[in-house]
Amino acid sequence: MLRQPRPSQAPLILSFAQWPEIDRELWRLSCDAGDGLDDPSYVADRRPQTIVNARKGWGRFLAVLTDLGLLDPSLPPSGRVTRPAVVRFLTALRDAGNAGSTLAARLFELRSALNVMEPDKEPEFAWLVRPRGGCAWTILAQGNRIWSFLDAYVFGCP
């Protein structure tokens, strides 16, 4: 059953203060410059707007999980990003009127947020932006092909 669009067009984003504690702590640790002796973090090599977008994207993902009753705050961020959860996320965004190119941007934000919080798990989440080895941006930005894209997530992402 498809969800009905929200009556208001207000953005559906959980603020940083509303994130689960583990997410906030991992985000803070990654954004801490440290003493300069450690390897630079993912954040150090990115433009500030990339990090802002990743933070908003993660807040959006958490808001959708919360709205669907699927947010488990005891899991680490990587434990929440499953194929079924991503399909539900994309479906909710599509039902709210987001275009394919916006959905693709949201996937890149989601992967960037995971890279901020759990950079050691980065290879595990390539499927977010490369389902079946294709490019999410190319697939989604070409038009309303979301259902075949979602099928790729459910039935065949490596």
Protein backbone atom coordinates (compact mmCIF):
# COMPACT_ATOMS: atom_id res chain seq x y z
CA MET A 1 0.00 0.00 0.00
CA LEU A 2 1.39 3.38 -1.01
CA ARG A 3 1.63 6.12 1.56
CA GLN A 4 -0.26 9.31 0.88
CA PRO A 5 1.80 12.50 0.54
CA ARG A 6 2.07 14.57 3.71
CA PRO A 7 -0.47 17.39 3.92
CA SER A 8 2.25 19.98 4.53
CA GLN A 9 5.25 20.42 2.31
CA ALA A 10 7.52 21.02 5.31
CA PRO A 11 10.84 19.20 4.99
CA LEU A 12 10.94 15.86 6.72
CA ILE A 13 14.33 16.06 8.44
CA LEU A 14 15.26 15.13 12.01
CA SER A 15 17.49 17.77 13.54
CA PHE A 16 20.92 16.73 14.79
CA ALA A 17 19.64 16.95 18.39
CA GLN A 18 16.96 14.35 17.54
CA TRP A 19 19.40 11.80 16.11
CA PRO A 20 20.17 8.66 18.12
CA GLU A 21 23.08 9.24 20.51
CA ILE A 22 25.40 6.86 18.66
CA ASP A 23 24.88 8.79 15.40
CA ARG A 24 25.58 12.14 17.06
CA GLU A 25 28.71 10.81 18.74
CA LEU A 26 30.11 9.26 15.54
CA TRP A 27 29.38 12.48 13.64
CA ARG A 28 31.10 14.61 16.28
CA LEU A 29 34.15 12.35 16.36
CA SER A 30 34.52 12.49 12.60
CA CYS A 31 34.23 16.27 12.54
CA ASP A 32 36.80 16.71 15.32
CA ALA A 33 40.08 17.89 13.82
CA GLY A 34 42.04 15.94 16.43
CA ASP A 35 45.66 16.69 17.18
CA GLY A 36 46.88 16.60 13.58
CA LEU A 37 48.73 13.32 14.03
CA ASP A 38 45.86 11.08 12.98
CA ASP A 39 44.91 10.35 9.39
CA PRO A 40 42.55 13.01 8.05
CA SER A 41 38.90 12.09 8.30
CA TYR A 42 36.45 11.87 5.43
CA VAL A 43 35.18 15.32 6.46
CA ALA A 44 38.63 16.91 6.06
CA ASP A 45 38.70 16.13 2.34
CA ARG A 46 35.19 17.39 1.51
CA ARG A 47 33.65 20.75 0.80
CA PRO A 48 31.60 22.14 3.68
CA GLN A 49 28.39 22.00 1.60
CA THR A 50 28.94 18.28 0.98
CA ILE A 51 28.99 17.69 4.73
CA VAL A 52 25.94 19.92 5.27
CA ASN A 53 24.05 17.97 2.60
CA ALA A 54 25.14 14.64 4.09
CA ARG A 55 23.89 15.76 7.50
CA LYS A 56 20.53 16.83 6.07
CA GLY A 57 20.30 13.62 4.06
CA TRP A 58 20.93 11.52 7.16
CA GLY A 59 18.31 13.52 9.05
CA ARG A 60 15.88 12.85 6.21
CA PHE A 61 16.59 9.10 6.32
CA LEU A 62 16.12 9.02 10.11
CA ALA A 63 12.88 10.99 9.82
CA VAL A 64 11.45 8.50 7.32
CA LEU A 65 12.51 5.55 9.49
CA THR A 66 10.89 7.26 12.49
CA ASP A 67 7.71 8.00 10.53
CA LEU A 68 7.49 4.34 9.48
CA GLY A 69 8.23 3.08 13.02
CA LEU A 70 11.47 1.48 11.86
CA LEU A 71 14.10 3.53 13.70
CA ASP A 72 16.11 1.38 16.11
CA PRO A 73 18.35 3.82 18.00
CA SER A 74 20.40 0.97 19.46
CA LEU A 75 21.81 0.08 16.02
CA PRO A 76 24.84 1.83 14.57
CA PRO A 77 24.13 3.90 11.45
CA SER A 78 25.38 1.14 9.14
CA GLY A 79 22.97 -1.30 10.79
CA ARG A 80 20.01 0.80 9.72
CA VAL A 81 20.94 1.16 6.06
CA THR A 82 19.56 -2.07 4.66
CA ARG A 83 18.18 -2.57 1.18
CA PRO A 84 14.58 -2.84 2.47
CA ALA A 85 15.03 0.36 4.52
CA VAL A 86 16.46 2.21 1.51
CA VAL A 87 13.58 1.03 -0.67
CA ARG A 88 11.10 2.32 1.94
CA PHE A 89 13.06 5.60 2.12
CA LEU A 90 13.03 6.10 -1.66
CA THR A 91 9.37 5.12 -1.88
CA ALA A 92 8.43 7.64 0.83
CA LEU A 93 10.38 10.38 -0.95
CA ARG A 94 8.82 9.51 -4.29
CA ASP A 95 5.34 9.48 -2.74
CA ALA A 96 6.08 12.96 -1.38
CA GLY A 97 6.68 14.15 -4.95
CA ASN A 98 10.48 13.96 -5.26
CA ALA A 99 11.83 13.59 -8.80
CA GLY A 100 14.30 10.92 -9.86
CA SER A 101 17.25 13.30 -9.80
CA THR A 102 16.36 14.26 -6.23
CA LEU A 103 16.20 10.61 -5.22
CA ALA A 104 19.64 10.06 -6.70
CA ALA A 105 20.98 13.05 -4.73
CA ARG A 106 19.46 11.60 -1.55
CA LEU A 107 21.33 8.32 -2.12
CA PHE A 108 24.61 10.17 -2.49
CA GLU A 109 23.85 12.11 0.71
CA LEU A 110 23.09 8.87 2.52
CA ARG A 111 26.37 7.31 1.42
CA SER A 112 28.27 10.48 2.35
CA ALA A 113 26.71 10.49 5.82
CA LEU A 114 27.77 6.87 6.34
CA ASN A 115 31.28 7.82 5.22
CA VAL A 116 31.32 10.57 7.85
CA MET A 117 30.11 8.34 10.69
CA GLU A 118 31.60 4.96 9.76
CA PRO A 119 34.32 5.50 7.15
CA ASP A 120 35.74 2.01 7.63
CA LYS A 121 32.50 0.56 6.22
CA GLU A 122 32.54 2.61 3.01
CA PRO A 123 33.04 -0.33 0.62
CA GLU A 124 29.95 -2.04 2.04
CA PHE A 125 27.73 0.79 0.81
CA ALA A 126 28.79 1.22 -2.80
CA TRP A 127 25.45 -0.35 -3.75
CA LEU A 128 23.72 2.85 -2.62
CA VAL A 129 24.98 4.72 -5.66
CA ARG A 130 25.89 1.82 -7.97
CA PRO A 131 23.03 -0.70 -8.02
CA ARG A 132 23.99 -3.67 -10.19
CA GLY A 133 27.11 -1.77 -11.17
CA GLY A 134 25.07 1.04 -12.77
CA CYS A 135 25.02 4.65 -11.70
CA ALA A 136 22.05 5.69 -9.55
CA TRP A 137 22.23 9.23 -10.92
CA THR A 138 22.06 8.07 -14.54
CA ILE A 139 19.21 5.67 -13.85
CA LEU A 140 17.06 8.00 -11.74
CA ALA A 141 17.76 11.33 -13.41
CA GLN A 142 16.57 10.01 -16.78
CA GLY A 143 12.96 10.09 -15.72
CA ASN A 144 10.36 8.11 -13.86
CA ARG A 145 12.18 4.77 -13.73
CA ILE A 146 12.05 4.44 -9.98
CA TRP A 147 10.29 1.08 -9.83
CA SER A 148 12.84 -0.75 -11.95
CA PHE A 149 15.52 0.97 -9.89
CA LEU A 150 13.91 -0.22 -6.66
CA ASP A 151 13.70 -3.72 -8.13
CA ALA A 152 17.46 -3.57 -8.65
CA TYR A 153 17.87 -2.87 -4.93
CA VAL A 154 15.58 -5.66 -3.89
CA PHE A 155 16.47 -8.31 -6.42
CA GLY A 156 20.02 -7.93 -7.48
CA CYS A 157 22.37 -5.43 -5.95
CA PRO A 158 25.77 -6.96 -5.42
